[in-house]
Amino acid sequence: MAKRLSLREFQEDLVRRFAEARSGDRHALLGVRAGAENWLIDLTDTGEILPVPPLAPVPLTCEWFRGLANVRGTLFSVVDFAAFHDGAPIDPGGATRLLLVGMRHSVNCALLVSRAIGLRSPDDFQPDRTAGDDARPWVQGRLRDARERLWLKLDLPQLLAHRSFLNAGID
């Protein structure tokens, strides 16, 4: 019979594993799916991953700017990461998650993603040589895993500073 863990034990184990990954010499990557694309984010650039709380819409903003989320008394702007890349908007339910990013860069921003896939090692990927460079400046690289699935490595500081990301208002 498999050992049963309480929710508390599971959460403590997960926090411990994230802390170990962050403190290690090698950088772990967090895998997420946003719409039809798989993304890898340096774990040091990420914050919490949590179920989507109620979102307060903000008028006169782009469709991809989903609103504001209150996370333990702190407001985070929420960007639908798939819709930002001209994909279909993500429905905030089921496996959908809110990934808090940018706090390391003094920006309270969260990405709405279709699902969190989990921690990945950089050693599990090889550069994708089948296509040219991505036109999006925040795509740091195109990688393939052992199953030949395409992954895009996110340069979070580049995204957070990019004009199209910062301009959520409707012109």
C-alpha atoms as a PDB file:
ATOM      1  CA  MET A   1       0.000   0.000   0.000  1.00  0.00           C
ATOM      2  CA  ALA A   2       1.324   3.453  -0.876  1.00  0.00           C
ATOM      3  CA  LYS A   3       2.164   5.770   1.977  1.00  0.00           C
ATOM      4  CA  ARG A   4      -0.526   8.416   2.449  1.00  0.00           C
ATOM      5  CA  LEU A   5       0.507  11.992   3.142  1.00  0.00           C
ATOM      6  CA  SER A   6      -1.552  14.699   4.683  1.00  0.00           C
ATOM      7  CA  LEU A   7      -1.983  17.909   2.745  1.00  0.00           C
ATOM      8  CA  ARG A   8       0.262  19.650   5.255  1.00  0.00           C
ATOM      9  CA  GLU A   9       3.074  17.088   4.765  1.00  0.00           C
ATOM     10  CA  PHE A  10       2.726  17.386   1.001  1.00  0.00           C
ATOM     11  CA  GLN A  11       2.942  21.191   1.119  1.00  0.00           C
ATOM     12  CA  GLU A  12       5.935  21.102   3.468  1.00  0.00           C
ATOM     13  CA  ASP A  13       7.704  18.644   1.162  1.00  0.00           C
ATOM     14  CA  LEU A  14       6.963  20.821  -1.844  1.00  0.00           C
ATOM     15  CA  VAL A  15       8.283  23.944  -0.098  1.00  0.00           C
ATOM     16  CA  ARG A  16      11.426  22.037   0.897  1.00  0.00           C
ATOM     17  CA  ARG A  17      11.996  20.828  -2.680  1.00  0.00           C
ATOM     18  CA  PHE A  18      11.547  24.353  -4.084  1.00  0.00           C
ATOM     19  CA  ALA A  19      13.983  25.732  -1.498  1.00  0.00           C
ATOM     20  CA  GLU A  20      16.540  23.062  -2.366  1.00  0.00           C
ATOM     21  CA  ALA A  21      16.148  23.793  -6.067  1.00  0.00           C
ATOM     22  CA  ARG A  22      16.623  27.521  -5.487  1.00  0.00           C
ATOM     23  CA  SER A  23      19.666  27.116  -3.257  1.00  0.00           C
ATOM     24  CA  GLY A  24      21.442  24.586  -5.480  1.00  0.00           C
ATOM     25  CA  ASP A  25      24.354  25.474  -7.736  1.00  0.00           C
ATOM     26  CA  ARG A  26      22.397  24.520 -10.838  1.00  0.00           C
ATOM     27  CA  HIS A  27      19.352  26.499 -11.824  1.00  0.00           C
ATOM     28  CA  ALA A  28      16.125  24.559 -11.870  1.00  0.00           C
ATOM     29  CA  LEU A  29      13.464  25.502 -14.365  1.00  0.00           C
ATOM     30  CA  LEU A  30       9.738  25.672 -13.785  1.00  0.00           C
ATOM     31  CA  GLY A  31       7.655  24.283 -16.628  1.00  0.00           C
ATOM     32  CA  VAL A  32       4.257  25.812 -17.363  1.00  0.00           C
ATOM     33  CA  ARG A  33       1.781  25.564 -20.205  1.00  0.00           C
ATOM     34  CA  ALA A  34       0.068  28.687 -21.514  1.00  0.00           C
ATOM     35  CA  GLY A  35      -2.439  27.906 -24.217  1.00  0.00           C
ATOM     36  CA  ALA A  36      -0.645  25.797 -26.818  1.00  0.00           C
ATOM     37  CA  GLU A  37       2.909  26.684 -25.726  1.00  0.00           C
ATOM     38  CA  ASN A  38       5.213  25.108 -23.154  1.00  0.00           C
ATOM     39  CA  TRP A  39       7.378  27.592 -21.238  1.00  0.00           C
ATOM     40  CA  LEU A  40      10.409  27.224 -18.986  1.00  0.00           C
ATOM     41  CA  ILE A  41      11.079  29.891 -16.367  1.00  0.00           C
ATOM     42  CA  ASP A  42      14.183  30.147 -14.206  1.00  0.00           C
ATOM     43  CA  LEU A  43      13.020  29.160 -10.749  1.00  0.00           C
ATOM     44  CA  THR A  44      14.827  32.113  -9.180  1.00  0.00           C
ATOM     45  CA  ASP A  45      12.498  34.435 -11.130  1.00  0.00           C
ATOM     46  CA  THR A  46       9.305  32.809  -9.907  1.00  0.00           C
ATOM     47  CA  GLY A  47       7.255  33.155  -6.791  1.00  0.00           C
ATOM     48  CA  GLU A  48       4.251  31.158  -5.723  1.00  0.00           C
ATOM     49  CA  ILE A  49       1.995  29.037  -7.878  1.00  0.00           C
ATOM     50  CA  LEU A  50      -1.577  29.146  -6.652  1.00  0.00           C
ATOM     51  CA  PRO A  51      -5.143  28.478  -7.724  1.00  0.00           C
ATOM     52  CA  VAL A  52      -6.703  31.482  -9.385  1.00  0.00           C
ATOM     53  CA  PRO A  53      -8.334  33.774  -6.808  1.00  0.00           C
ATOM     54  CA  PRO A  54     -11.208  36.087  -7.758  1.00  0.00           C
ATOM     55  CA  LEU A  55     -10.016  38.689 -10.258  1.00  0.00           C
ATOM     56  CA  ALA A  56     -11.129  42.314 -10.234  1.00  0.00           C
ATOM     57  CA  PRO A  57     -11.471  43.490 -13.838  1.00  0.00           C
ATOM     58  CA  VAL A  58      -9.859  46.759 -14.868  1.00  0.00           C
ATOM     59  CA  PRO A  59     -11.764  48.783 -17.490  1.00  0.00           C
ATOM     60  CA  LEU A  60     -10.162  50.076 -20.683  1.00  0.00           C
ATOM     61  CA  THR A  61      -7.400  47.461 -20.755  1.00  0.00           C
ATOM     62  CA  CYS A  62      -6.347  44.904 -23.353  1.00  0.00           C
ATOM     63  CA  GLU A  63      -8.106  41.532 -23.377  1.00  0.00           C
ATOM     64  CA  TRP A  64      -4.953  39.819 -22.113  1.00  0.00           C
ATOM     65  CA  PHE A  65      -4.858  41.998 -18.978  1.00  0.00           C
ATOM     66  CA  ARG A  66      -7.275  40.024 -16.834  1.00  0.00           C
ATOM     67  CA  GLY A  67      -7.363  42.377 -13.858  1.00  0.00           C
ATOM     68  CA  LEU A  68      -6.087  42.487 -10.309  1.00  0.00           C
ATOM     69  CA  ALA A  69      -5.757  39.689  -7.769  1.00  0.00           C
ATOM     70  CA  ASN A  70      -5.518  40.166  -4.032  1.00  0.00           C
ATOM     71  CA  VAL A  71      -3.003  37.666  -2.667  1.00  0.00           C
ATOM     72  CA  ARG A  72      -2.830  37.940   1.128  1.00  0.00           C
ATOM     73  CA  GLY A  73      -3.344  41.703   1.033  1.00  0.00           C
ATOM     74  CA  THR A  74      -1.014  42.452  -1.881  1.00  0.00           C
ATOM     75  CA  LEU A  75      -2.402  43.397  -5.296  1.00  0.00           C
ATOM     76  CA  PHE A  76      -0.970  41.680  -8.372  1.00  0.00           C
ATOM     77  CA  SER A  77      -1.695  42.593 -11.968  1.00  0.00           C
ATOM     78  CA  VAL A  78      -2.775  39.460 -13.822  1.00  0.00           C
ATOM     79  CA  VAL A  79      -1.757  38.805 -17.420  1.00  0.00           C
ATOM     80  CA  ASP A  80      -3.306  35.960 -19.404  1.00  0.00           C
ATOM     81  CA  PHE A  81      -0.035  34.638 -20.824  1.00  0.00           C
ATOM     82  CA  ALA A  82      -1.686  32.746 -23.708  1.00  0.00           C
ATOM     83  CA  ALA A  83      -3.863  35.697 -24.766  1.00  0.00           C
ATOM     84  CA  PHE A  84      -0.819  37.996 -24.544  1.00  0.00           C
ATOM     85  CA  HIS A  85       0.722  35.815 -27.271  1.00  0.00           C
ATOM     86  CA  ASP A  86      -2.449  36.091 -29.400  1.00  0.00           C
ATOM     87  CA  GLY A  87      -3.760  32.716 -28.262  1.00  0.00           C
ATOM     88  CA  ALA A  88      -7.187  31.882 -26.917  1.00  0.00           C
ATOM     89  CA  PRO A  89      -7.906  33.343 -23.466  1.00  0.00           C
ATOM     90  CA  ILE A  90      -7.373  30.941 -20.573  1.00  0.00           C
ATOM     91  CA  ASP A  91     -10.465  29.958 -18.595  1.00  0.00           C
ATOM     92  CA  PRO A  92      -9.550  30.395 -14.900  1.00  0.00           C
ATOM     93  CA  GLY A  93     -10.705  27.049 -13.561  1.00  0.00           C
ATOM     94  CA  GLY A  94      -9.556  23.445 -13.206  1.00  0.00           C
ATOM     95  CA  ALA A  95      -5.774  23.130 -13.608  1.00  0.00           C
ATOM     96  CA  THR A  96      -5.343  26.839 -14.367  1.00  0.00           C
ATOM     97  CA  ARG A  97      -2.849  28.505 -12.062  1.00  0.00           C
ATOM     98  CA  LEU A  98      -1.599  31.942 -11.159  1.00  0.00           C
ATOM     99  CA  LEU A  99       2.185  32.204 -11.224  1.00  0.00           C
ATOM    100  CA  LEU A 100       3.466  35.133  -9.190  1.00  0.00           C
ATOM    101  CA  VAL A 101       6.462  36.611 -10.985  1.00  0.00           C
ATOM    102  CA  GLY A 102       8.388  39.823 -10.858  1.00  0.00           C
ATOM    103  CA  MET A 103       8.638  40.294  -7.099  1.00  0.00           C
ATOM    104  CA  ARG A 104      12.387  39.804  -7.407  1.00  0.00           C
ATOM    105  CA  HIS A 105      12.289  42.656  -9.925  1.00  0.00           C
ATOM    106  CA  SER A 106      10.015  44.853  -7.766  1.00  0.00           C
ATOM    107  CA  VAL A 107       6.955  44.250  -9.946  1.00  0.00           C
ATOM    108  CA  ASN A 108       3.769  42.723  -8.548  1.00  0.00           C
ATOM    109  CA  CYS A 109       2.741  40.757 -11.593  1.00  0.00           C
ATOM    110  CA  ALA A 110       1.155  37.349 -12.050  1.00  0.00           C
ATOM    111  CA  LEU A 111       0.887  35.197 -15.154  1.00  0.00           C
ATOM    112  CA  LEU A 112      -2.290  33.231 -15.719  1.00  0.00           C
ATOM    113  CA  VAL A 113      -1.184  29.866 -17.133  1.00  0.00           C
ATOM    114  CA  SER A 114      -3.154  26.839 -18.285  1.00  0.00           C
ATOM    115  CA  ARG A 115      -1.276  24.602 -15.889  1.00  0.00           C
ATOM    116  CA  ALA A 116       1.942  24.231 -13.946  1.00  0.00           C
ATOM    117  CA  ILE A 117       3.935  21.263 -15.197  1.00  0.00           C
ATOM    118  CA  GLY A 118       6.640  21.176 -12.523  1.00  0.00           C
ATOM    119  CA  LEU A 119      10.361  21.447 -11.980  1.00  0.00           C
ATOM    120  CA  ARG A 120      12.708  20.552 -14.813  1.00  0.00           C
ATOM    121  CA  SER A 121      16.469  20.253 -15.061  1.00  0.00           C
ATOM    122  CA  PRO A 122      18.293  22.233 -17.766  1.00  0.00           C
ATOM    123  CA  ASP A 123      20.082  18.964 -18.591  1.00  0.00           C
ATOM    124  CA  ASP A 124      16.785  17.527 -19.866  1.00  0.00           C
ATOM    125  CA  PHE A 125      16.731  19.877 -22.872  1.00  0.00           C
ATOM    126  CA  GLN A 126      18.631  20.386 -26.095  1.00  0.00           C
ATOM    127  CA  PRO A 127      18.581  23.503 -28.306  1.00  0.00           C
ATOM    128  CA  ASP A 128      15.950  23.376 -31.050  1.00  0.00           C
ATOM    129  CA  ARG A 129      17.777  23.535 -34.351  1.00  0.00           C
ATOM    130  CA  THR A 130      14.703  23.072 -36.571  1.00  0.00           C
ATOM    131  CA  ALA A 131      13.572  26.701 -36.581  1.00  0.00           C
ATOM    132  CA  GLY A 132      15.047  30.178 -36.552  1.00  0.00           C
ATOM    133  CA  ASP A 133      15.015  32.608 -33.681  1.00  0.00           C
ATOM    134  CA  ASP A 134      11.729  33.648 -32.135  1.00  0.00           C
ATOM    135  CA  ALA A 135      10.685  37.232 -32.910  1.00  0.00           C
ATOM    136  CA  ARG A 136       9.585  37.813 -29.313  1.00  0.00           C
ATOM    137  CA  PRO A 137      12.544  39.345 -27.441  1.00  0.00           C
ATOM    138  CA  TRP A 138      11.547  37.667 -24.151  1.00  0.00           C
ATOM    139  CA  VAL A 139      12.020  34.204 -25.670  1.00  0.00           C
ATOM    140  CA  GLN A 140      15.543  33.403 -24.525  1.00  0.00           C
ATOM    141  CA  GLY A 141      15.717  30.105 -26.356  1.00  0.00           C
ATOM    142  CA  ARG A 142      13.836  27.321 -28.067  1.00  0.00           C
ATOM    143  CA  LEU A 143      14.490  23.894 -26.567  1.00  0.00           C
ATOM    144  CA  ARG A 144      13.386  20.298 -27.124  1.00  0.00           C
ATOM    145  CA  ASP A 145      12.926  17.633 -24.485  1.00  0.00           C
ATOM    146  CA  ALA A 146      13.495  13.873 -24.884  1.00  0.00           C
ATOM    147  CA  ARG A 147       9.990  13.510 -26.364  1.00  0.00           C
ATOM    148  CA  GLU A 148      10.796  16.202 -28.964  1.00  0.00           C
ATOM    149  CA  ARG A 149       8.278  18.638 -27.437  1.00  0.00           C
ATOM    150  CA  LEU A 150       9.113  22.294 -28.017  1.00  0.00           C
ATOM    151  CA  TRP A 151       9.733  24.491 -24.957  1.00  0.00           C
ATOM    152  CA  LEU A 152      10.316  28.239 -24.923  1.00  0.00           C
ATOM    153  CA  LYS A 153      12.680  29.628 -22.284  1.00  0.00           C
ATOM    154  CA  LEU A 154      11.296  32.848 -20.840  1.00  0.00           C
ATOM    155  CA  ASP A 155      13.583  35.791 -20.112  1.00  0.00           C
ATOM    156  CA  LEU A 156      11.373  37.242 -17.393  1.00  0.00           C
ATOM    157  CA  PRO A 157      13.264  40.542 -16.878  1.00  0.00           C
ATOM    158  CA  GLN A 158      13.039  41.165 -20.637  1.00  0.00           C
ATOM    159  CA  LEU A 159       9.282  40.468 -20.604  1.00  0.00           C
ATOM    160  CA  LEU A 160       8.628  42.668 -17.575  1.00  0.00           C
ATOM    161  CA  ALA A 161      10.491  45.565 -19.197  1.00  0.00           C
ATOM    162  CA  HIS A 162       9.054  45.211 -22.706  1.00  0.00           C
ATOM    163  CA  ARG A 163       6.856  48.046 -23.954  1.00  0.00           C
ATOM    164  CA  SER A 164       4.073  45.787 -25.268  1.00  0.00           C
ATOM    165  CA  PHE A 165       3.833  44.045 -21.869  1.00  0.00           C
ATOM    166  CA  LEU A 166       3.808  47.311 -19.930  1.00  0.00           C
ATOM    167  CA  ASN A 167       1.167  48.926 -22.144  1.00  0.00           C
ATOM    168  CA  ALA A 168      -2.032  47.149 -21.043  1.00  0.00           C
ATOM    169  CA  GLY A 169      -4.284  50.117 -21.759  1.00  0.00           C
ATOM    170  CA  ILE A 170      -6.466  50.302 -24.846  1.00  0.00           C
ATOM    171  CA  ASP A 171      -5.240  52.996 -27.217  1.00  0.00           C
END
